């Protein structure tokens, strides 16, 4: 009986030793993995630029007791708008008119007692949109701000806020990605040097935030998911890049 208990105790002790060694090895391996996990840093770059493409839209409306009468009015207004834009040095090929939208107008009918008894068709409202896309930003911007002459001609015209774009956006973004990458690498080199380590191979790289905001704007803020400003002519591009390097 004593012999059996001694054997069992020996087995338990041996098993405990094996578990302790295994745990110790796992801790050691984990420590080595953490110690060699590398180093990460985020770099960024910004660049101010001026938009070289403008998109301006306006819409105009007409009314008639019949669709034919209303269409004649809006067709005449479209010709007036086109002539006005061409006379102000807008290229004809950059002027695009959308399809005409038609909406019937009804008058509500009430009895002498004030009860609603139905409605009757009294006419038609038509609307159409014109879009101008041009690289002559100064000229189109000036036209969008002063359409008094057009309105004075009898056209029921509503001007929308211009949108500003940049035709070399892809090239500029690539330049900033390169600059942000160099910035991140410089940060990694500096941290590694101060820590007494040497930078190894690049383990991963990812593009972070990409944003286009208005220059010196207090309302156009940076967002985690990115932002793309179209209402400001003068803009700022921001790009961030994250690098992860191994250590030697």
Protein backbone atom coordinates (compact mmCIF):
# COMPACT_ATOMS: atom_id res chain seq x y z
CA UNK A 1 0.00 0.00 0.00
CA UNK A 2 2.83 2.33 0.93
CA UNK A 3 4.61 1.39 -2.28
CA UNK A 4 1.55 2.29 -4.34
CA UNK A 5 1.17 5.69 -2.62
CA UNK A 6 4.83 6.44 -3.21
CA UNK A 7 4.53 5.70 -6.92
CA UNK A 8 1.46 7.91 -7.22
CA UNK A 9 3.20 10.77 -5.39
CA UNK A 10 6.20 10.41 -7.69
CA UNK A 11 3.99 10.52 -10.77
CA UNK A 12 2.16 13.62 -9.50
CA UNK A 13 5.44 15.35 -8.75
CA UNK A 14 6.78 14.46 -12.18
CA UNK A 15 3.62 15.66 -13.90
CA UNK A 16 3.73 18.93 -11.95
CA UNK A 17 7.32 19.45 -13.02
CA UNK A 18 6.42 18.87 -16.67
CA UNK A 19 3.52 21.35 -16.44
CA UNK A 20 5.75 23.92 -14.74
CA UNK A 21 8.40 23.54 -17.46
CA UNK A 22 5.76 23.81 -20.20
CA UNK A 23 4.27 26.93 -18.64
CA UNK A 24 7.73 28.41 -18.25
CA UNK A 25 8.57 27.67 -21.88
CA UNK A 26 5.31 29.25 -23.04
CA UNK A 27 6.02 32.34 -20.99
CA UNK A 28 9.53 32.50 -22.41
CA UNK A 29 8.29 32.09 -25.98
CA UNK A 30 5.61 34.70 -25.38
CA UNK A 31 8.17 37.10 -24.01
CA UNK A 32 10.43 36.60 -27.03
CA UNK A 33 7.52 37.16 -29.42
CA UNK A 34 6.52 40.33 -27.63
CA UNK A 35 10.10 41.51 -27.42
CA UNK A 36 10.56 40.96 -31.17
CA UNK A 37 7.11 42.28 -32.12
CA UNK A 38 8.69 45.20 -33.91
CA UNK A 39 7.99 48.88 -33.84
CA UNK A 40 5.20 50.94 -35.41
CA UNK A 41 4.79 54.62 -36.24
CA UNK A 42 2.38 56.84 -38.13
CA UNK A 43 3.64 59.50 -40.50
CA UNK A 44 1.69 62.29 -42.16
CA UNK A 45 1.98 64.92 -44.86
CA UNK A 46 -0.11 67.94 -45.92
CA UNK A 47 -0.21 70.14 -49.00
CA UNK A 48 -2.21 73.26 -49.85
CA UNK A 49 -3.53 73.54 -53.40
CA UNK A 50 -5.96 75.54 -55.50
CA UNK A 51 -8.81 73.91 -57.42
CA UNK A 52 -8.50 73.97 -61.21
CA UNK A 53 -12.00 72.71 -62.10
CA UNK A 54 -15.36 74.25 -61.21
CA UNK A 55 -18.83 72.74 -61.51
CA UNK A 56 -21.73 75.17 -61.25
CA UNK A 57 -25.41 74.27 -61.41
CA UNK A 58 -28.57 76.30 -61.62
CA UNK A 59 -32.21 75.43 -62.06
CA UNK A 60 -35.06 77.37 -63.60
CA UNK A 61 -38.84 76.93 -63.64
CA UNK A 62 -41.78 77.83 -65.84
CA UNK A 63 -45.55 77.63 -65.52
CA UNK A 64 -48.38 77.19 -67.99
CA UNK A 65 -52.01 76.16 -68.04
CA UNK A 66 -51.06 73.33 -70.42
CA UNK A 67 -47.92 71.29 -70.87
CA UNK A 68 -47.45 72.77 -74.34
CA UNK A 69 -47.66 76.34 -73.03
CA UNK A 70 -45.33 75.63 -70.11
CA UNK A 71 -42.83 73.86 -72.36
CA UNK A 72 -42.70 76.81 -74.74
CA UNK A 73 -41.79 79.07 -71.81
CA UNK A 74 -39.06 76.84 -70.41
CA UNK A 75 -37.63 76.19 -73.89
CA UNK A 76 -37.37 79.96 -74.43
CA UNK A 77 -35.75 80.39 -70.99
CA UNK A 78 -33.19 77.67 -71.79
CA UNK A 79 -32.19 79.53 -74.97
CA UNK A 80 -31.90 82.78 -73.01
CA UNK A 81 -29.64 81.11 -70.42
CA UNK A 82 -27.48 79.53 -73.12
CA UNK A 83 -27.04 82.84 -74.95
CA UNK A 84 -26.24 84.58 -71.68
CA UNK A 85 -23.53 82.08 -70.75
CA UNK A 86 -21.94 82.08 -74.22
CA UNK A 87 -21.90 85.90 -74.20
CA UNK A 88 -19.94 85.64 -70.94
CA UNK A 89 -17.22 83.48 -72.52
CA UNK A 90 -18.56 80.08 -71.43
CA UNK A 91 -17.76 77.37 -73.97
CA UNK A 92 -20.95 75.94 -75.50
CA UNK A 93 -19.74 72.35 -75.07
CA UNK A 94 -19.44 72.85 -71.31
CA UNK A 95 -23.13 73.81 -70.96
CA UNK A 96 -25.36 70.80 -70.26
CA UNK A 97 -29.13 70.93 -69.82
CA UNK A 98 -30.95 68.13 -68.01
CA UNK A 99 -34.30 66.67 -69.02
CA UNK A 100 -37.36 68.78 -68.24
CA UNK A 101 -39.38 67.70 -65.21
CA UNK A 102 -43.15 68.20 -65.26
CA UNK A 103 -45.40 68.51 -62.24
CA UNK A 104 -49.19 69.10 -62.41
CA UNK A 105 -50.61 71.84 -60.20
CA UNK A 106 -53.94 71.37 -58.47
CA UNK A 107 -56.22 73.76 -56.66
CA UNK A 108 -58.03 72.40 -53.63
CA UNK A 109 -61.80 72.88 -53.58
CA UNK A 110 -63.89 73.48 -50.47
CA UNK A 111 -67.59 73.77 -49.83
CA UNK A 112 -69.24 76.83 -48.34
CA UNK A 113 -69.08 75.03 -45.02
CA UNK A 114 -65.30 74.66 -45.33
CA UNK A 115 -65.26 70.94 -46.16
CA UNK A 116 -62.76 69.64 -48.68
CA UNK A 117 -64.68 68.41 -51.73
CA UNK A 118 -61.89 67.68 -54.18
CA UNK A 119 -59.34 69.33 -56.45
CA UNK A 120 -59.02 70.56 -60.01
CA UNK A 121 -56.09 70.79 -62.38
CA UNK A 122 -55.09 74.42 -62.96
CA UNK A 123 -51.80 74.10 -64.82
CA UNK A 124 -48.32 72.62 -64.98
CA UNK A 125 -44.99 73.56 -63.44
CA UNK A 126 -41.85 72.65 -65.37
CA UNK A 127 -38.28 72.71 -64.09
CA UNK A 128 -34.91 72.16 -65.70
CA UNK A 129 -31.30 72.19 -64.52
CA UNK A 130 -28.24 73.52 -66.29
CA UNK A 131 -24.72 72.36 -65.38
CA UNK A 132 -21.49 74.10 -66.35
CA UNK A 133 -18.15 72.31 -65.92
CA UNK A 134 -15.08 74.34 -66.75
CA UNK A 135 -11.40 74.87 -66.01
CA UNK A 136 -11.96 78.64 -66.30
CA UNK A 137 -12.58 78.85 -62.57
CA UNK A 138 -12.38 82.64 -62.27
CA UNK A 139 -14.97 83.29 -64.97
CA UNK A 140 -17.54 80.70 -63.86
CA UNK A 141 -17.12 81.76 -60.24
CA UNK A 142 -17.86 85.36 -61.20
CA UNK A 143 -20.95 84.35 -63.22
CA UNK A 144 -22.32 82.27 -60.35
CA UNK A 145 -22.12 85.28 -58.04
CA UNK A 146 -23.78 87.77 -60.35
CA UNK A 147 -26.80 86.57 -62.32
CA UNK A 148 -28.86 89.75 -61.94
CA UNK A 149 -28.83 90.29 -65.70
CA UNK A 150 -30.18 86.80 -66.29
CA UNK A 151 -32.92 87.22 -63.70
CA UNK A 152 -33.72 90.65 -65.13
CA UNK A 153 -34.45 89.03 -68.48
CA UNK A 154 -37.45 87.31 -66.92
CA UNK A 155 -35.94 83.87 -66.26
CA UNK A 156 -36.94 82.33 -62.92
CA UNK A 157 -33.39 81.17 -62.19
CA UNK A 158 -31.89 79.81 -58.96
CA UNK A 159 -28.11 79.56 -58.62
CA UNK A 160 -26.50 76.75 -56.60
CA UNK A 161 -23.19 76.94 -54.74
CA UNK A 162 -20.28 76.04 -57.08
CA UNK A 163 -18.27 72.86 -56.48
CA UNK A 164 -14.48 72.92 -56.78
CA UNK A 165 -12.26 70.01 -57.81
CA UNK A 166 -8.63 69.30 -58.73
CA UNK A 167 -7.75 67.43 -61.91
CA UNK A 168 -4.30 66.32 -60.66
CA UNK A 169 -5.61 64.81 -57.44
CA UNK A 170 -4.14 61.33 -58.03
CA UNK A 171 -0.63 62.70 -58.62
CA UNK A 172 -0.78 64.93 -55.54
CA UNK A 173 -2.06 62.08 -53.38
CA UNK A 174 0.85 59.86 -54.49
CA UNK A 175 3.34 62.60 -53.61
CA UNK A 176 1.86 62.93 -50.14
CA UNK A 177 1.79 59.17 -49.58
CA UNK A 178 5.51 59.10 -50.34
CA UNK A 179 6.13 62.03 -47.99
CA UNK A 180 4.02 60.48 -45.21
CA UNK A 181 5.87 57.16 -45.63
CA UNK A 182 9.23 58.90 -45.29
CA UNK A 183 7.93 60.71 -42.20
CA UNK A 184 6.83 57.43 -40.57
CA UNK A 185 10.17 55.75 -41.37
CA UNK A 186 12.09 58.67 -39.84
CA UNK A 187 10.04 58.34 -36.65
CA UNK A 188 10.75 54.60 -36.49
CA UNK A 189 14.49 55.12 -37.02
CA UNK A 190 14.57 57.75 -34.28
CA UNK A 191 12.69 55.59 -31.75
CA UNK A 192 14.81 52.54 -32.51
CA UNK A 193 18.03 54.50 -32.15
CA UNK A 194 17.02 55.92 -28.78
CA UNK A 195 16.01 52.44 -27.62
CA UNK A 196 19.34 50.95 -28.68
CA UNK A 197 17.77 48.68 -31.30
CA UNK A 198 18.23 48.21 -35.03
CA UNK A 199 15.39 48.36 -37.53
CA UNK A 200 14.77 45.17 -39.45
CA UNK A 201 12.43 44.31 -42.31
CA UNK A 202 9.17 46.06 -43.10
CA UNK A 203 6.37 43.86 -41.74
CA UNK A 204 3.32 45.86 -42.86
CA UNK A 205 2.26 49.22 -44.22
CA UNK A 206 -1.20 50.75 -44.41
CA UNK A 207 -2.72 53.98 -45.67
CA UNK A 208 -4.50 55.81 -42.88
CA UNK A 209 -6.59 58.95 -43.14
CA UNK A 210 -7.02 60.73 -46.46
CA UNK A 211 -8.78 64.08 -46.29
CA UNK A 212 -9.34 67.21 -48.33
CA UNK A 213 -10.47 70.19 -46.30
CA UNK A 214 -10.83 73.92 -46.83
CA UNK A 215 -7.73 75.95 -46.05
CA UNK A 216 -7.80 77.68 -42.67
CA UNK A 217 -11.37 76.61 -42.01
CA UNK A 218 -12.76 76.44 -38.48
CA UNK A 219 -15.84 74.49 -39.60
CA UNK A 220 -14.29 72.00 -42.03
CA UNK A 221 -12.74 69.63 -39.45
CA UNK A 222 -10.76 66.42 -39.82
CA UNK A 223 -12.85 63.26 -39.55
CA UNK A 224 -11.83 59.72 -38.65
CA UNK A 225 -13.40 58.34 -41.80
CA UNK A 226 -11.97 61.03 -44.07
CA UNK A 227 -13.42 64.18 -45.60
CA UNK A 228 -13.69 65.53 -49.14
CA UNK A 229 -14.39 69.24 -49.38
CA UNK A 230 -16.03 70.53 -52.57
CA UNK A 231 -17.28 73.98 -51.55
CA UNK A 232 -13.91 75.70 -51.06
CA UNK A 233 -11.64 76.70 -53.93
CA UNK A 234 -8.51 76.71 -51.77
CA UNK A 235 -7.98 73.32 -50.14
CA UNK A 236 -5.57 71.29 -48.02
CA UNK A 237 -4.84 67.61 -48.56
CA UNK A 238 -3.85 65.43 -45.57
CA UNK A 239 -2.51 61.88 -45.82
CA UNK A 240 -1.31 59.53 -43.07
CA UNK A 241 0.59 56.23 -43.38
CA UNK A 242 1.31 53.59 -40.70
CA UNK A 243 4.45 51.42 -40.92
CA UNK A 244 5.35 48.37 -38.84
CA UNK A 245 8.99 47.20 -38.87
CA UNK A 246 10.70 44.27 -37.19
CA UNK A 247 13.67 44.80 -34.89
CA UNK A 248 17.07 43.11 -34.99
